[in-house]
Each structure stands twice: as C-alpha cells, then as structure tokens.
Amino acid sequence: MLKWQLWSLKKAIVNKVDDYQRLVAKALRTVGEVLPWDLVDEIKQNPGLLVLDIRESDEFQMMHIKDSLHVPRGLLEGACVWNYDDTISVLAKTRDQSIVVVCRSGNRSALAALTMQQMGFENVRSLKLGIKGWNDNDLEMLNNQGDIVDIDEIDEVLNRAVEKSKLQP
C-alpha cells in the first residue's frame, strides 16, 4: 500500500509542473546560472562581460541593468548572426565572449541561453531569478531615461498576480 501512495504522490507532483516549467528545467541541464549578487561582482571584474536583456521593449524601458544590451527574445537568433536586419555586431562577431542573459524571472533567459548554445556560443549563462531577483536584492536599475528606478515601485510591477482569466480552471 505504501508503494502505491508514493507513486500517486509522485504523479501528483509531476502533474503540477507544466510544459513550460519542464522545458525550462530541461534547458537548465546544460545552461549555467549566475545569481544576482555574483553578477554584480562579475560586472566589476570583467569589463568584457555582456549582459544581454531579452525582455520585451516595454519591460526594458521601465527597468534594466546599467549598460545591458537589449535584444527582445523574438529577435535573438537573427541578432546573433551576420546578414540580417536584426544583426547586432557585438553578438555576431564572436562565439566565445562571456554573456549573461537576463529576463524577468530566469525562465526565458534559460531558454534563450540554450538557443545561443545551440548556435555555437560557448560561454553563455542565465541570470538566476532574473530582474525580479536583481530587484529583490536591492540592486540598482535604470529606466529608459537613465534615471535610477524606485525599487519599491518596481517591486509592485514585478510581483503582480496573474490575471484570473489566465489561471487554469
């Protein structure tokens, strides 16, 4: 009887993880992560480090890490190679530079980093906890005008509840 109960519990836990979470977990098998406070140190120690923010434009304009490069996720692959309207030379010219990919919570960045690995990038990682973790650790962010954003105001934006219409019935 106990064996069956354990199997049922395991099945219930597995069923709570959705396909998106499974996809992210699979990406993290090969994608390394860096914590926000460690990234602060890396930025200071490695001037060649590229912080690549893949969030949507409105997210980036509202708040971002100083000197980060913004390439929305939907343009990433074209930005990483030559001969496309989306090409960004700092990404297309080398595959061995140190890159940390940033998103809101660390999920999209893990998937983007995996894509970049598949495109031949050798030293690409994801910011664990994303911009939310950066903000939770009271680390400075700027808005699109270059002003320092208010951590408490941004916290409200970053931690909004999912709309009821988007929750699984």
Protein backbone atom coordinates (compact mmCIF):
# COMPACT_ATOMS: atom_id res chain seq x y z
CA MET A 1 0.00 0.00 0.00
CA LEU A 2 2.78 2.47 0.88
CA LYS A 3 4.44 1.97 -2.53
CA TRP A 4 1.20 2.89 -4.32
CA GLN A 5 0.78 6.02 -2.16
CA LEU A 6 4.32 7.17 -3.01
CA TRP A 7 3.67 6.57 -6.71
CA SER A 8 0.43 8.60 -6.51
CA LEU A 9 2.18 11.43 -4.71
CA LYS A 10 4.98 11.49 -7.28
CA LYS A 11 2.46 11.52 -10.12
CA ALA A 12 0.56 14.42 -8.50
CA ILE A 13 3.79 16.43 -8.14
CA VAL A 14 4.81 15.76 -11.75
CA ASN A 15 1.36 16.79 -13.00
CA LYS A 16 1.68 20.17 -11.20
CA VAL A 17 4.73 21.04 -13.32
CA ASP A 18 3.51 22.42 -16.64
CA ASP A 19 5.13 22.04 -20.05
CA TYR A 20 6.83 25.45 -19.82
CA GLN A 21 8.44 24.58 -16.49
CA ARG A 22 9.57 21.23 -17.90
CA LEU A 23 11.13 22.98 -20.89
CA VAL A 24 12.99 25.41 -18.63
CA ALA A 25 14.18 22.58 -16.36
CA LYS A 26 15.49 20.71 -19.39
CA ALA A 27 17.35 23.82 -20.61
CA LEU A 28 18.94 24.26 -17.19
CA ARG A 29 20.58 20.85 -17.52
CA THR A 30 23.08 22.48 -19.89
CA VAL A 31 22.73 26.20 -19.16
CA GLY A 32 24.68 27.59 -16.22
CA GLU A 33 23.17 30.22 -13.97
CA VAL A 34 24.63 33.16 -12.08
CA LEU A 35 22.99 34.72 -9.03
CA PRO A 36 22.31 38.48 -9.00
CA TRP A 37 24.89 39.32 -6.30
CA ASP A 38 27.52 37.28 -8.13
CA LEU A 39 26.74 39.08 -11.38
CA VAL A 40 27.42 42.42 -9.66
CA ASP A 41 30.94 41.18 -8.86
CA GLU A 42 31.45 39.79 -12.37
CA ILE A 43 30.42 43.09 -13.96
CA LYS A 44 33.05 44.89 -11.87
CA GLN A 45 35.78 42.32 -12.53
CA ASN A 46 35.13 41.60 -16.21
CA PRO A 47 34.60 44.71 -18.36
CA GLY A 48 34.12 42.45 -21.40
CA LEU A 49 31.10 40.71 -19.87
CA LEU A 50 27.95 41.25 -21.92
CA VAL A 51 24.67 41.46 -20.03
CA LEU A 52 22.00 40.63 -22.61
CA ASP A 53 18.43 41.57 -21.70
CA ILE A 54 15.92 39.64 -23.79
CA ARG A 55 12.72 41.04 -22.28
CA GLU A 56 10.16 42.92 -24.36
CA SER A 57 10.80 46.59 -25.11
CA ASP A 58 8.28 47.92 -22.59
CA GLU A 59 9.83 45.81 -19.83
CA PHE A 60 13.34 47.01 -20.70
CA GLN A 61 12.33 50.67 -20.92
CA MET A 62 10.77 50.51 -17.46
CA MET A 63 13.84 48.95 -15.79
CA HIS A 64 17.13 47.37 -16.76
CA ILE A 65 20.64 46.70 -15.53
CA LYS A 66 23.04 49.53 -16.38
CA ASP A 67 24.92 49.00 -19.68
CA SER A 68 22.92 45.90 -20.60
CA LEU A 69 22.26 45.21 -24.28
CA HIS A 70 18.59 44.91 -25.19
CA VAL A 71 17.61 42.32 -27.78
CA PRO A 72 13.99 41.15 -27.45
CA ARG A 73 13.67 37.36 -27.41
CA GLY A 74 11.83 37.33 -30.72
CA LEU A 75 14.83 38.89 -32.50
CA LEU A 76 17.60 36.97 -30.76
CA GLU A 77 18.55 34.40 -33.38
CA GLY A 78 18.76 36.98 -36.18
CA ALA A 79 20.73 39.34 -33.92
CA CYS A 80 23.37 36.65 -33.33
CA VAL A 81 24.41 36.17 -36.95
CA TRP A 82 25.55 38.35 -39.83
CA ASN A 83 23.45 39.35 -42.86
CA TYR A 84 20.08 40.01 -41.19
CA ASP A 85 18.27 43.26 -40.48
CA ASP A 86 18.33 42.20 -36.82
CA THR A 87 22.12 41.58 -36.77
CA ILE A 88 23.91 43.10 -33.79
CA SER A 89 27.63 43.05 -34.46
CA VAL A 90 28.71 42.57 -30.83
CA LEU A 91 26.77 39.26 -30.84
CA ALA A 92 27.51 38.16 -34.41
CA LYS A 93 31.28 38.71 -34.34
CA THR A 94 32.29 36.13 -31.72
CA ARG A 95 31.04 32.99 -30.05
CA ASP A 96 33.43 32.90 -27.07
CA GLN A 97 32.59 36.10 -25.22
CA SER A 98 31.14 35.87 -21.72
CA ILE A 99 27.38 36.56 -21.82
CA VAL A 100 24.73 36.56 -19.11
CA VAL A 101 21.17 36.53 -20.44
CA VAL A 102 18.51 38.35 -18.42
CA CYS A 103 14.72 38.18 -18.31
CA ARG A 104 12.07 38.81 -15.66
CA SER A 105 12.39 35.61 -13.61
CA GLY A 106 15.11 33.49 -15.21
CA ASN A 107 12.90 31.26 -17.34
CA ARG A 108 13.01 32.97 -20.75
CA SER A 109 16.70 33.68 -20.24
CA ALA A 110 17.42 29.98 -19.66
CA LEU A 111 15.67 29.10 -22.91
CA ALA A 112 17.42 31.92 -24.78
CA ALA A 113 20.81 30.85 -23.40
CA LEU A 114 20.12 27.29 -24.58
CA THR A 115 19.31 28.61 -28.05
CA MET A 116 22.55 30.59 -28.07
CA GLN A 117 24.49 27.47 -27.02
CA GLN A 118 22.87 25.62 -29.92
CA MET A 119 24.06 28.46 -32.19
CA GLY A 120 27.64 27.91 -31.02
CA PHE A 121 28.00 30.38 -28.14
CA GLU A 122 30.46 28.83 -25.70
CA ASN A 123 30.17 30.99 -22.58
CA VAL A 124 26.54 31.97 -22.12
CA ARG A 125 24.63 31.73 -18.85
CA SER A 126 21.29 32.82 -17.45
CA LEU A 127 20.63 35.22 -14.57
CA LYS A 128 19.01 33.04 -11.92
CA LEU A 129 15.89 34.75 -10.55
CA GLY A 130 16.07 37.34 -13.35
CA ILE A 131 15.32 41.01 -12.88
CA LYS A 132 12.99 40.06 -10.03
CA GLY A 133 15.93 38.62 -8.11
CA TRP A 134 18.07 41.61 -9.01
CA ASN A 135 15.40 43.94 -7.60
CA ASP A 136 14.77 41.72 -4.54
CA ASN A 137 18.44 42.20 -3.65
CA ASP A 138 18.10 46.00 -3.87
CA LEU A 139 20.48 46.22 -6.83
CA GLU A 140 20.34 49.37 -8.93
CA MET A 141 18.36 49.51 -12.16
CA LEU A 142 17.75 52.32 -14.62
CA ASN A 143 14.76 53.32 -16.69
CA ASN A 144 14.98 54.29 -20.35
CA GLN A 145 15.82 57.91 -19.43
CA GLY A 146 18.81 56.72 -17.41
CA ASP A 147 17.21 57.52 -14.05
CA ILE A 148 17.53 55.11 -11.12
CA VAL A 149 14.19 53.37 -10.62
CA ASP A 150 12.42 53.16 -7.27
CA ILE A 151 12.89 49.59 -6.02
CA ASP A 152 9.54 49.50 -4.19
CA GLU A 153 7.55 50.76 -7.19
CA ILE A 154 9.23 48.27 -9.48
CA ASP A 155 8.60 45.50 -6.94
CA GLU A 156 4.85 46.03 -7.38
CA VAL A 157 5.21 45.71 -11.16
CA LEU A 158 7.41 42.62 -10.97
CA ASN A 159 5.20 40.80 -8.48
CA ARG A 160 1.74 41.37 -9.94
CA ALA A 161 -0.57 38.41 -9.59
CA VAL A 162 -1.53 36.52 -12.75
CA GLU A 163 -4.90 37.71 -14.05
CA LYS A 164 -7.75 35.43 -13.04
CA SER A 165 -8.69 34.85 -16.71
CA LYS A 166 -5.21 33.38 -17.30
CA LEU A 167 -5.37 30.84 -14.48
CA GLN A 168 -6.15 27.23 -15.28
CA PRO A 169 -9.75 26.38 -14.43
